[in-house]
């Protein structure tokens, strides 16, 4: 039987974990830098390990999913488009993210906490269980003290590994191209967990893989000038003019540079599975170099894990937290249910790029998801599709909350567009969709109804809103020919007996057929399709003054039979 990508990876991870550490829980990991809005591209950093870890748990194998918050990284740039932030935040560049004040008006204590909070809430809403690790807490508590002292003792060997990948010997033009590409990658990956591709670099006093934060200005604009392996005395100077001498065996105000920090943590946590974005897989990147450092220096093994591709937004360029204005998971969950968002990540292999629709395409996405749910219920879905659906609607811990009556999203959006959210009118319309099984309470169609309402309110362009005519278009009605009048009369005569979504669909498509002397269930021909298009365009013009609009059966239900009659000259 065909297996899905999650099952295949889970097979590999379980086998690898058993080979490395028999009997111990499997460790899957993600890394995120709360340096700005953690967007839907960054979410893939969490979703890929989550889906694999959840499959492992479903099989009864103990598994932990770590999310490492790189909140002790330096504040690199002031991201664009963040409310409550201005150029005055420039003064904090170089300080740890947990030491930078949050945007003005934020209830959180720091920059890092401000951007961690909405993602943490979104993960909870999506049923994603993780163990969060704050790197600020890890470093400040001295948890990595032995690893830091070891890395400093082995600094020459670390430097030799890094030297293999430095741009030594390149022309100035090649180095400039590399630098611009690195900057683009950093911008694209901001928040992805690869804080920066720093390796520490060798200064006049030699190479040191450790970067202290200044005790006066709090920045990492420091340079190590000397280190004694025996006494662990570390001397450094800061660009602000401060000089300091500390014992590294007792000092906690600093961290390993990124290219050394990441492989150190792989060994420390025993990570078996961790994916990485495309920005990490170029020659000399932290993933490539880290694989050598973890095995040659730290005595561990690099995690297995695929490279994952970018996630885009319909109508937007590639996402970058540093550029601002990119949707975060919490915003996606305002307009779509958690199972749908989970499904978008579960159905695509990690190396497949995909887009998430915030525009009108969201309606088609929901149609696809609902169609899959029907195939799953009927037992006709392909195995991989059924697996993706299962991963969307439930986790090893249980089912995610679902809408009791999942009416089509596009219908709900159309109704809400016309009623402008009036709950009484909305319930009246939805109760008439299927008179044999009427919706008796809006609670039956929530939370999907609320998601559609939010989409209409925030994402539907004003020029696409539907405005039903207040008065009949007398001039248009007076200009109709005999065939158009007869078609309208036939429609009006059938309204009462067809007043449901299915009934109105049959009636609307049947009118041109009956006028052509055919039965209502006749197969469409090119001529019939042309007649239907003309008839529908006429109805749109009479009802809402445009040539197109929401699906006509939904529109008629929303307008109501009495008002339809008035606008169609009945």
Protein backbone atom coordinates (compact mmCIF):
# COMPACT_ATOMS: atom_id res chain seq x y z
CA UNK A 1 0.00 0.00 0.00
CA UNK A 2 1.24 3.50 -0.82
CA UNK A 3 2.51 5.33 2.28
CA UNK A 4 2.62 9.04 2.84
CA UNK A 5 5.80 11.05 3.43
CA UNK A 6 5.18 11.31 7.16
CA UNK A 7 5.01 7.53 7.61
CA UNK A 8 8.19 7.02 5.57
CA UNK A 9 10.10 9.56 7.67
CA UNK A 10 8.72 8.10 10.90
CA UNK A 11 10.02 4.66 9.84
CA UNK A 12 13.49 6.14 9.26
CA UNK A 13 13.51 8.14 12.49
CA UNK A 14 12.41 5.23 14.69
CA UNK A 15 15.06 2.97 13.15
CA UNK A 16 17.77 5.62 13.52
CA UNK A 17 16.79 6.39 17.14
CA UNK A 18 16.95 2.70 18.01
CA UNK A 19 20.39 2.47 16.42
CA UNK A 20 21.71 5.52 18.29
CA UNK A 21 20.13 5.13 21.73
CA UNK A 22 18.08 1.94 22.15
CA UNK A 23 15.15 2.28 24.50
CA UNK A 24 15.34 6.06 24.87
CA UNK A 25 12.56 8.44 23.74
CA UNK A 26 12.94 9.73 20.19
CA UNK A 27 13.91 13.41 20.06
CA UNK A 28 12.62 15.59 17.23
CA UNK A 29 13.52 19.27 17.14
CA UNK A 30 12.66 22.66 15.70
CA UNK A 31 14.47 25.96 16.08
CA UNK A 32 12.85 29.40 15.94
CA UNK A 33 14.27 32.87 16.38
CA UNK A 34 11.72 35.38 17.76
CA UNK A 35 13.53 38.23 16.02
CA UNK A 36 10.34 39.44 14.37
CA UNK A 37 6.95 38.08 13.27
CA UNK A 38 7.23 34.27 13.05
CA UNK A 39 5.41 33.75 9.78
CA UNK A 40 3.77 30.85 7.95
CA UNK A 41 7.02 29.97 6.22
CA UNK A 42 8.68 29.55 9.61
CA UNK A 43 5.74 27.36 10.69
CA UNK A 44 7.07 24.62 8.42
CA UNK A 45 10.07 24.42 10.76
CA UNK A 46 7.60 23.23 13.41
CA UNK A 47 5.04 21.36 11.29
CA UNK A 48 7.45 18.89 9.66
CA UNK A 49 8.87 17.59 12.98
CA UNK A 50 5.44 17.78 14.61
CA UNK A 51 3.83 15.54 12.00
CA UNK A 52 6.67 13.03 12.24
CA UNK A 53 6.73 13.11 16.05
CA UNK A 54 2.95 12.71 16.16
CA UNK A 55 3.11 9.66 13.87
CA UNK A 56 5.77 8.16 16.13
CA UNK A 57 3.52 8.75 19.16
CA UNK A 58 0.56 7.19 17.33
CA UNK A 59 2.64 4.03 17.07
CA UNK A 60 3.12 4.00 20.83
CA UNK A 61 6.80 4.97 20.71
CA UNK A 62 7.84 7.61 23.30
CA UNK A 63 8.80 10.81 21.50
CA UNK A 64 9.58 14.41 22.44
CA UNK A 65 9.31 17.41 20.12
CA UNK A 66 11.63 20.20 21.25
CA UNK A 67 11.19 23.76 20.09
CA UNK A 68 14.37 25.65 20.76
CA UNK A 69 13.71 29.38 21.06
CA UNK A 70 16.84 31.18 19.91
CA UNK A 71 15.96 34.13 22.10
CA UNK A 72 19.55 34.69 23.25
CA UNK A 73 20.57 35.61 19.71
CA UNK A 74 21.57 39.18 19.00
CA UNK A 75 18.97 41.67 17.78
CA UNK A 76 20.18 42.12 14.19
CA UNK A 77 17.89 44.61 12.56
CA UNK A 78 14.69 46.54 13.17
CA UNK A 79 12.08 44.72 11.06
CA UNK A 80 9.82 46.80 8.85
CA UNK A 81 6.08 47.10 9.32
CA UNK A 82 5.87 46.18 13.03
CA UNK A 83 3.32 48.40 14.83
CA UNK A 84 4.73 50.25 17.80
CA UNK A 85 8.33 50.09 16.53
CA UNK A 86 10.40 52.96 15.14
CA UNK A 87 14.02 53.70 14.42
CA UNK A 88 14.75 54.23 18.12
CA UNK A 89 15.00 50.43 18.40
CA UNK A 90 18.27 50.70 16.44
CA UNK A 91 20.03 51.37 19.74
CA UNK A 92 19.27 47.79 20.82
CA UNK A 93 21.01 46.12 17.88
CA UNK A 94 23.56 43.66 19.26
CA UNK A 95 21.67 42.91 22.47
CA UNK A 96 19.97 39.56 23.20
CA UNK A 97 16.39 39.38 21.96
CA UNK A 98 15.24 38.88 25.56
CA UNK A 99 16.94 42.18 26.54
CA UNK A 100 15.25 44.25 23.83
CA UNK A 101 12.04 46.06 24.86
CA UNK A 102 8.86 44.90 23.12
CA UNK A 103 6.96 47.08 20.64
CA UNK A 104 5.17 50.00 22.27
CA UNK A 105 1.91 48.95 23.93
CA UNK A 106 2.86 45.26 24.14
CA UNK A 107 1.88 43.42 27.33
CA UNK A 108 5.03 41.28 27.12
CA UNK A 109 8.31 41.82 28.93
CA UNK A 110 10.65 41.65 25.94
CA UNK A 111 10.94 41.62 22.18
CA UNK A 112 11.38 37.85 22.21
CA UNK A 113 8.31 37.20 24.37
CA UNK A 114 6.20 39.51 22.21
CA UNK A 115 6.85 37.43 19.09
CA UNK A 116 6.87 34.04 20.82
CA UNK A 117 3.40 34.52 22.33
CA UNK A 118 1.22 34.49 19.18
CA UNK A 119 3.00 31.44 17.80
CA UNK A 120 2.69 29.59 21.10
CA UNK A 121 -1.05 30.30 21.09
CA UNK A 122 -1.34 29.17 17.45
CA UNK A 123 0.51 25.91 18.19
CA UNK A 124 -1.90 25.22 21.04
CA UNK A 125 -4.88 25.88 18.76
CA UNK A 126 -3.44 23.48 16.18
CA UNK A 127 -2.92 20.67 18.69
CA UNK A 128 0.88 20.84 18.42
CA UNK A 129 2.50 19.64 21.64
CA UNK A 130 6.10 20.76 22.15
CA UNK A 131 8.64 21.24 24.91
CA UNK A 132 9.91 24.78 24.59
CA UNK A 133 13.51 25.58 25.47
CA UNK A 134 14.62 29.18 25.99
CA UNK A 135 18.26 29.56 24.99
CA UNK A 136 18.44 32.64 27.22
CA UNK A 137 17.55 30.44 30.19
CA UNK A 138 19.93 27.70 29.08
CA UNK A 139 22.93 30.00 28.73
CA UNK A 140 22.16 32.18 31.75
CA UNK A 141 21.72 29.14 34.00
CA UNK A 142 25.07 27.68 32.98
CA UNK A 143 23.45 24.60 31.46
CA UNK A 144 26.01 24.59 28.64
CA UNK A 145 29.04 25.45 30.78
CA UNK A 146 30.92 22.21 30.08
CA UNK A 147 30.11 22.43 26.37
CA UNK A 148 31.38 26.04 26.22
CA UNK A 149 34.61 25.23 28.04
CA UNK A 150 35.11 22.21 25.79
CA UNK A 151 34.52 24.26 22.62
CA UNK A 152 37.03 26.86 23.80
CA UNK A 153 39.63 24.15 24.45
CA UNK A 154 38.95 22.70 21.00
CA UNK A 155 38.82 26.08 19.26
CA UNK A 156 41.70 25.33 16.92
CA UNK A 157 40.10 22.11 15.69
CA UNK A 158 36.76 23.93 15.27
CA UNK A 159 38.50 26.69 13.36
CA UNK A 160 40.13 24.11 11.07
CA UNK A 161 36.71 22.63 10.19
CA UNK A 162 35.25 26.08 9.53
CA UNK A 163 38.25 27.10 7.49
CA UNK A 164 37.35 24.49 4.88
CA UNK A 165 34.28 26.53 4.02
CA UNK A 166 35.40 30.13 4.36
CA UNK A 167 35.59 32.33 1.25
CA UNK A 168 39.39 32.38 1.34
CA UNK A 169 40.93 32.78 -2.09
CA UNK A 170 37.82 34.16 -3.76
CA UNK A 171 37.99 37.30 -5.77
CA UNK A 172 36.52 40.44 -4.21
CA UNK A 173 33.70 40.28 -6.76
CA UNK A 174 32.88 36.66 -5.84
CA UNK A 175 32.95 37.50 -2.16
CA UNK A 176 30.61 40.44 -2.74
CA UNK A 177 28.16 38.19 -4.59
CA UNK A 178 28.34 35.65 -1.75
CA UNK A 179 27.74 38.39 0.80
CA UNK A 180 24.66 39.67 -1.01
CA UNK A 181 23.31 36.13 -1.34
CA UNK A 182 23.97 35.47 2.35
CA UNK A 183 22.09 38.66 3.24
CA UNK A 184 19.14 37.60 1.07
CA UNK A 185 19.14 34.16 2.66
CA UNK A 186 19.26 35.65 6.14
CA UNK A 187 16.36 37.93 5.34
CA UNK A 188 14.34 35.06 3.89
CA UNK A 189 15.15 32.82 6.83
CA UNK A 190 14.68 35.40 9.57
CA UNK A 191 12.91 33.57 12.35
CA UNK A 192 13.62 30.18 10.82
CA UNK A 193 15.99 29.14 13.55
CA UNK A 194 19.15 29.99 11.67
CA UNK A 195 19.78 33.10 13.50
CA UNK A 196 22.81 33.88 11.43
CA UNK A 197 25.49 32.02 9.59
CA UNK A 198 28.10 33.33 12.06
CA UNK A 199 31.15 31.20 12.73
CA UNK A 200 32.95 33.68 14.96
CA UNK A 201 35.77 34.48 12.57
CA UNK A 202 39.41 34.70 13.56
CA UNK A 203 40.67 37.98 15.01
CA UNK A 204 44.21 39.15 15.72
CA UNK A 205 44.19 37.15 18.97
CA UNK A 206 43.10 33.98 17.21
CA UNK A 207 39.79 32.17 16.74
CA UNK A 208 37.25 31.94 19.56
CA UNK A 209 33.84 30.22 19.15
CA UNK A 210 32.36 32.16 22.09
CA UNK A 211 30.85 35.66 22.03
CA UNK A 212 30.37 37.47 25.37
CA UNK A 213 27.77 40.18 25.85
CA UNK A 214 29.22 43.43 27.24
CA UNK A 215 28.60 44.11 30.93
CA UNK A 216 28.11 47.84 30.30
CA UNK A 217 26.21 48.31 27.02
CA UNK A 218 24.76 44.77 26.86
CA UNK A 219 25.76 44.27 23.22
CA UNK A 220 27.81 41.55 21.57
CA UNK A 221 30.07 44.09 19.87
CA UNK A 222 32.89 42.43 21.76
CA UNK A 223 36.23 40.94 20.78
CA UNK A 224 37.97 38.26 22.81
CA UNK A 225 41.59 39.29 23.32
CA UNK A 226 42.87 36.37 25.39
CA UNK A 227 41.82 33.08 26.97
CA UNK A 228 43.62 30.74 29.33
CA UNK A 229 42.55 27.10 29.08
CA UNK A 230 43.84 26.28 32.57
CA UNK A 231 42.28 29.10 34.57
CA UNK A 232 39.43 29.77 32.05
CA UNK A 233 40.25 33.49 32.33
CA UNK A 234 38.64 35.30 29.40
CA UNK A 235 39.52 38.86 28.48
CA UNK A 236 37.52 40.90 26.00
CA UNK A 237 36.94 44.46 24.86
CA UNK A 238 33.75 46.05 23.56
CA UNK A 239 33.29 48.67 20.88
CA UNK A 240 31.74 50.87 23.56
CA UNK A 241 35.19 51.06 25.21
CA UNK A 242 34.55 48.68 28.09
CA UNK A 243 37.18 46.06 28.89
CA UNK A 244 36.45 43.04 31.06
CA UNK A 245 38.23 40.00 32.48
CA UNK A 246 36.09 37.05 33.68
CA UNK A 247 36.43 33.38 34.57
CA UNK A 248 34.51 31.50 31.91
CA UNK A 249 33.95 28.64 34.36
CA UNK A 250 31.70 31.03 36.31
CA UNK A 251 30.54 33.46 33.60
CA UNK A 252 27.16 33.07 31.87
CA UNK A 253 26.71 36.30 29.89
CA UNK A 254 27.51 35.06 26.40
CA UNK A 255 26.97 32.27 23.93
CA UNK A 256 28.62 30.07 21.36
CA UNK A 257 28.52 31.44 17.81
CA UNK A 258 25.71 29.97 15.74
CA UNK A 259 27.67 27.52 13.60
CA UNK A 260 29.08 25.96 16.78
CA UNK A 261 26.00 26.44 18.95
CA UNK A 262 23.68 24.39 16.72
CA UNK A 263 25.79 21.18 16.51
CA UNK A 264 26.59 21.47 20.23
CA UNK A 265 22.87 21.35 20.96
CA UNK A 266 22.32 18.37 18.65
CA UNK A 267 24.76 16.41 20.79
CA UNK A 268 23.48 17.87 24.09
CA UNK A 269 19.81 17.07 23.40
CA UNK A 270 20.40 13.84 21.43
CA UNK A 271 18.36 15.14 18.49
CA UNK A 272 17.51 12.41 15.97
CA UNK A 273 15.28 14.38 13.60
CA UNK A 274 15.37 18.04 12.64
CA UNK A 275 14.60 19.48 9.20
CA UNK A 276 16.20 22.64 7.86
CA UNK A 277 15.21 25.25 5.28
CA UNK A 278 16.82 25.60 1.89
CA UNK A 279 18.90 28.49 3.25
CA UNK A 280 20.79 26.02 5.46
CA UNK A 281 21.70 23.53 2.76
CA UNK A 282 24.06 25.58 0.63
CA UNK A 283 27.79 24.69 0.75
CA UNK A 284 29.35 26.08 3.91
CA UNK A 285 26.02 26.71 5.60
CA UNK A 286 25.37 25.95 9.25
CA UNK A 287 23.70 22.61 8.46
CA UNK A 288 26.59 21.38 6.32
CA UNK A 289 29.33 22.62 8.65
CA UNK A 290 27.35 21.59 11.72
CA UNK A 291 27.25 18.00 10.50
CA UNK A 292 31.04 17.90 10.59
CA UNK A 293 31.41 19.76 13.88
CA UNK A 294 28.96 17.54 15.74
CA UNK A 295 30.76 14.35 14.70
CA UNK A 296 34.39 15.56 14.69
CA UNK A 297 34.26 17.81 17.76
CA UNK A 298 31.24 17.09 19.97
CA UNK A 299 31.14 13.32 19.54
CA UNK A 300 27.53 13.27 18.39
CA UNK A 301 25.63 12.65 15.20
CA UNK A 302 23.84 15.06 12.90
CA UNK A 303 20.07 14.63 12.96
CA UNK A 304 18.39 13.15 9.94
CA UNK A 305 15.94 15.53 8.39
CA UNK A 306 14.85 16.77 5.01
CA UNK A 307 15.38 20.16 3.49
CA UNK A 308 12.08 21.99 3.38
CA UNK A 309 10.98 24.46 0.72
CA UNK A 310 9.51 27.91 1.11
CA UNK A 311 5.84 28.58 1.82
CA UNK A 312 4.22 31.49 0.03
CA UNK A 313 1.02 33.48 0.29
CA UNK A 314 -1.32 33.91 -2.68
CA UNK A 315 -0.65 37.33 -4.15
CA UNK A 316 2.50 37.99 -2.10
CA UNK A 317 6.22 37.72 -2.82
CA UNK A 318 8.44 35.36 -0.84
CA UNK A 319 7.97 35.87 2.88
CA UNK A 320 10.61 37.54 4.99
CA UNK A 321 10.10 38.68 8.57
CA UNK A 322 12.60 41.48 8.08
CA UNK A 323 10.49 42.96 5.28
CA UNK A 324 7.31 43.19 7.37
CA UNK A 325 3.66 42.66 6.50
CA UNK A 326 3.81 38.86 6.36
CA UNK A 327 0.94 36.81 7.77
CA UNK A 328 1.64 34.82 10.91
CA UNK A 329 -0.11 31.55 11.90
CA UNK A 330 -2.42 33.37 14.31
CA UNK A 331 -3.71 35.48 11.41
CA UNK A 332 -4.26 32.38 9.28
CA UNK A 333 -6.27 30.84 12.12
CA UNK A 334 -8.54 33.88 12.13
CA UNK A 335 -9.82 32.95 8.66
CA UNK A 336 -9.37 29.16 8.55
CA UNK A 337 -9.95 26.29 10.93
CA UNK A 338 -6.92 24.59 12.45
CA UNK A 339 -7.48 21.28 10.58
CA UNK A 340 -7.38 23.08 7.22
CA UNK A 341 -4.10 24.83 8.08
CA UNK A 342 -2.60 21.54 9.29
CA UNK A 343 -3.72 19.83 6.08
CA UNK A 344 -1.89 22.35 3.89
CA UNK A 345 1.41 21.29 5.49
CA UNK A 346 0.57 17.58 5.80
CA UNK A 347 -0.38 17.03 2.16
CA UNK A 348 2.87 18.36 0.66
CA UNK A 349 6.27 16.70 0.96
CA UNK A 350 8.72 18.99 2.77
CA UNK A 351 10.69 19.70 -0.42
CA UNK A 352 7.55 20.90 -2.22
CA UNK A 353 6.90 24.63 -2.11
CA UNK A 354 3.26 25.66 -1.78
CA UNK A 355 1.12 28.73 -1.21
CA UNK A 356 -1.48 29.49 1.44
CA UNK A 357 -4.48 31.42 0.18
CA UNK A 358 -5.60 34.53 2.00
CA UNK A 359 -7.44 35.82 -1.08
CA UNK A 360 -10.44 34.32 -2.88
CA UNK A 361 -8.49 31.11 -3.46
CA UNK A 362 -9.25 30.15 0.15
CA UNK A 363 -12.74 29.16 -1.02
CA UNK A 364 -11.31 26.67 -3.52
CA UNK A 365 -8.93 25.35 -0.84
CA UNK A 366 -11.88 24.72 1.46
CA UNK A 367 -13.81 23.04 -1.38
CA UNK A 368 -10.87 20.65 -1.88
CA UNK A 369 -10.66 19.89 1.83
CA UNK A 370 -14.40 19.22 2.10
CA UNK A 371 -14.33 17.02 -1.00
CA UNK A 372 -11.50 15.00 0.56
CA UNK A 373 -13.48 14.64 3.79
CA UNK A 374 -16.38 13.20 1.79
CA UNK A 375 -14.08 10.72 0.02
CA UNK A 376 -12.57 9.69 3.35
CA UNK A 377 -16.05 9.14 4.81
CA UNK A 378 -17.01 7.09 1.75
CA UNK A 379 -13.81 5.06 1.87
CA UNK A 380 -12.78 6.14 -1.64
CA UNK A 381 -9.80 8.39 -0.78
CA UNK A 382 -6.30 7.37 -1.86
CA UNK A 383 -4.25 6.09 1.12
CA UNK A 384 -1.82 9.04 1.14
CA UNK A 385 -4.71 11.52 0.88
CA UNK A 386 -6.58 9.78 3.68
CA UNK A 387 -3.43 9.88 5.84
CA UNK A 388 -3.01 13.62 5.24
CA UNK A 389 -6.66 14.15 6.21
CA UNK A 390 -6.21 12.11 9.38
CA UNK A 391 -3.16 14.15 10.34
CA UNK A 392 -5.16 17.32 9.74
CA UNK A 393 -8.17 16.52 11.92
CA UNK A 394 -6.54 14.66 14.82
CA UNK A 395 -3.28 14.09 16.68
CA UNK A 396 -2.08 11.24 18.86
CA UNK A 397 -3.82 13.07 21.73
CA UNK A 398 -7.23 13.16 20.05
CA UNK A 399 -9.54 14.96 17.64
CA UNK A 400 -9.22 18.67 17.00
CA UNK A 401 -12.35 20.82 17.46
CA UNK A 402 -14.51 20.71 14.32
CA UNK A 403 -17.56 22.46 12.89
CA UNK A 404 -20.67 20.34 13.46
CA UNK A 405 -22.29 21.34 10.14
CA UNK A 406 -19.40 22.20 7.78
CA UNK A 407 -21.34 24.14 5.16
CA UNK A 408 -19.26 25.28 2.17
CA UNK A 409 -16.94 28.15 3.12
CA UNK A 410 -17.74 30.01 -0.11
CA UNK A 411 -21.46 29.86 0.71
CA UNK A 412 -20.89 31.16 4.23
CA UNK A 413 -18.70 33.95 2.88
CA UNK A 414 -21.34 34.93 0.32
CA UNK A 415 -24.10 34.97 2.91
CA UNK A 416 -22.02 37.01 5.36
CA UNK A 417 -21.02 39.39 2.58
CA UNK A 418 -24.68 40.10 1.81
CA UNK A 419 -25.99 40.16 5.39
CA UNK A 420 -22.92 42.11 6.64
CA UNK A 421 -22.84 39.70 9.57
CA UNK A 422 -26.45 40.17 10.76
CA UNK A 423 -26.92 36.97 12.77
CA UNK A 424 -30.72 36.85 12.46
CA UNK A 425 -30.58 37.17 8.67
CA UNK A 426 -27.67 34.72 8.47
CA UNK A 427 -29.57 32.08 10.43
CA UNK A 428 -32.69 32.67 8.28
CA UNK A 429 -30.74 32.04 5.10
CA UNK A 430 -28.78 29.03 6.39
CA UNK A 431 -31.97 27.43 7.73
CA UNK A 432 -33.33 27.49 4.17
CA UNK A 433 -30.30 25.87 2.53
CA UNK A 434 -31.63 22.37 3.27
CA UNK A 435 -35.21 22.66 4.52
CA UNK A 436 -35.36 18.94 5.34
CA UNK A 437 -32.38 19.32 7.68
CA UNK A 438 -32.45 22.99 8.65
CA UNK A 439 -29.70 24.74 10.56
CA UNK A 440 -31.40 25.55 13.85
CA UNK A 441 -28.59 27.50 15.50
CA UNK A 442 -25.48 29.32 14.30
CA UNK A 443 -23.56 27.25 16.86
CA UNK A 444 -23.92 24.33 14.43
CA UNK A 445 -21.87 26.14 11.78
CA UNK A 446 -19.22 27.55 14.09
CA UNK A 447 -16.26 28.00 14.16
CA UNK A 448 -16.25 27.92 10.34
CA UNK A 449 -18.86 30.69 10.18
CA UNK A 450 -16.67 32.96 12.31
CA UNK A 451 -13.62 32.24 10.15
CA UNK A 452 -15.57 33.15 7.00
CA UNK A 453 -16.88 36.30 8.70
CA UNK A 454 -13.36 37.38 9.53
CA UNK A 455 -12.25 36.70 5.94
CA UNK A 456 -15.08 38.84 4.55
CA UNK A 457 -14.30 41.60 7.05
CA UNK A 458 -10.52 41.72 6.53
CA UNK A 459 -9.64 40.10 3.19
CA UNK A 460 -12.50 40.65 0.73
CA UNK A 461 -11.66 43.77 -1.32
CA UNK A 462 -14.28 46.51 -1.22
CA UNK A 463 -14.73 46.34 -4.99
CA UNK A 464 -15.65 42.66 -4.69
CA UNK A 465 -18.27 43.16 -1.99
CA UNK A 466 -21.86 42.34 -2.95
CA UNK A 467 -24.41 45.14 -2.69
CA UNK A 468 -27.98 44.07 -3.40
CA UNK A 469 -30.10 46.71 -5.16
CA UNK A 470 -32.48 48.61 -2.93
CA UNK A 471 -34.90 49.30 -5.80
CA UNK A 472 -35.61 47.45 -9.08
CA UNK A 473 -33.67 48.61 -12.14
CA UNK A 474 -36.68 50.02 -13.95
CA UNK A 475 -34.76 50.94 -17.11
CA UNK A 476 -33.27 47.46 -17.47
CA UNK A 477 -36.60 45.76 -16.81
CA UNK A 478 -38.27 47.96 -19.43
CA UNK A 479 -35.64 47.04 -22.03
CA UNK A 480 -36.05 43.25 -21.76
CA UNK A 481 -37.08 41.27 -24.84
CA UNK A 482 -39.81 38.63 -24.84
CA UNK A 483 -37.40 35.73 -24.29
CA UNK A 484 -35.81 37.38 -21.25
CA UNK A 485 -39.23 38.17 -19.76
CA UNK A 486 -40.37 34.57 -20.28
CA UNK A 487 -37.22 33.23 -18.62
CA UNK A 488 -37.72 35.49 -15.59
CA UNK A 489 -41.37 34.49 -15.35
CA UNK A 490 -40.41 30.79 -15.39
CA UNK A 491 -37.87 31.39 -12.61
CA UNK A 492 -40.32 33.33 -10.46
CA UNK A 493 -43.03 30.68 -10.88
CA UNK A 494 -40.64 28.01 -9.57
CA UNK A 495 -39.22 29.88 -6.58
CA UNK A 496 -41.54 28.55 -3.89
CA UNK A 497 -41.29 24.92 -4.95
CA UNK A 498 -37.49 25.09 -5.32
CA UNK A 499 -36.57 27.20 -2.28
CA UNK A 500 -33.46 25.37 -1.09
CA UNK A 501 -29.86 25.41 -2.24
CA UNK A 502 -30.20 22.28 -4.36
CA UNK A 503 -33.66 23.24 -5.58
CA UNK A 504 -32.60 26.70 -6.73
CA UNK A 505 -29.54 25.22 -8.44
CA UNK A 506 -31.79 22.88 -10.41
CA UNK A 507 -34.23 25.69 -11.22
CA UNK A 508 -31.59 28.19 -12.36
CA UNK A 509 -29.86 25.76 -14.69
CA UNK A 510 -33.18 24.36 -15.85
CA UNK A 511 -34.83 27.60 -17.02
CA UNK A 512 -32.74 27.97 -20.23
CA UNK A 513 -33.30 24.27 -20.97
CA UNK A 514 -37.08 24.51 -20.64
CA UNK A 515 -37.10 27.67 -22.76
CA UNK A 516 -35.23 25.71 -25.43
CA UNK A 517 -37.91 22.99 -25.37
CA UNK A 518 -35.76 20.52 -23.43
CA UNK A 519 -36.36 18.72 -20.11
CA UNK A 520 -34.78 20.36 -17.03
CA UNK A 521 -32.28 17.48 -16.70
CA UNK A 522 -31.11 17.64 -20.33
CA UNK A 523 -27.36 17.37 -20.93
CA UNK A 524 -25.76 20.77 -21.48
CA UNK A 525 -24.68 21.69 -24.99
CA UNK A 526 -22.50 24.64 -26.06
CA UNK A 527 -25.66 26.49 -27.07
CA UNK A 528 -27.31 25.78 -23.71
CA UNK A 529 -24.22 26.91 -21.81
CA UNK A 530 -24.22 30.18 -23.73
CA UNK A 531 -27.92 30.67 -22.94
CA UNK A 532 -27.27 29.93 -19.25
CA UNK A 533 -24.42 32.45 -19.12
CA UNK A 534 -26.63 35.11 -20.66
CA UNK A 535 -29.48 34.33 -18.26
CA UNK A 536 -27.18 34.40 -15.21
CA UNK A 537 -25.61 37.72 -16.29
CA UNK A 538 -29.09 39.22 -16.56
CA UNK A 539 -29.97 38.05 -13.05
CA UNK A 540 -26.76 39.50 -11.62
CA UNK A 541 -27.45 42.86 -13.27
CA UNK A 542 -31.00 42.94 -11.93
CA UNK A 543 -30.05 41.84 -8.41
CA UNK A 544 -26.65 43.42 -7.72
CA UNK A 545 -25.87 45.62 -10.74
CA UNK A 546 -22.83 43.66 -11.99
CA UNK A 547 -22.25 40.93 -14.58
CA UNK A 548 -20.91 38.43 -12.03
CA UNK A 549 -21.12 37.78 -8.32
CA UNK A 550 -21.53 35.05 -5.71
CA UNK A 551 -23.11 31.79 -6.78
CA UNK A 552 -26.67 32.52 -7.80
CA UNK A 553 -28.44 29.88 -5.66
CA UNK A 554 -26.70 31.29 -2.58
CA UNK A 555 -27.42 34.85 -3.69
CA UNK A 556 -31.15 34.14 -4.14
CA UNK A 557 -31.36 32.50 -0.73
CA UNK A 558 -29.56 35.45 0.85
CA UNK A 559 -31.74 38.07 -0.84
CA UNK A 560 -34.95 36.23 0.11
CA UNK A 561 -37.90 35.21 -2.08
CA UNK A 562 -39.97 38.36 -1.57
CA UNK A 563 -37.12 40.72 -2.38
CA UNK A 564 -36.06 38.60 -5.37
CA UNK A 565 -39.56 38.93 -6.79
CA UNK A 566 -39.49 42.68 -6.36
CA UNK A 567 -36.10 43.11 -8.05
CA UNK A 568 -36.97 40.77 -10.93
CA UNK A 569 -40.23 42.57 -11.67
CA UNK A 570 -42.38 39.75 -10.30
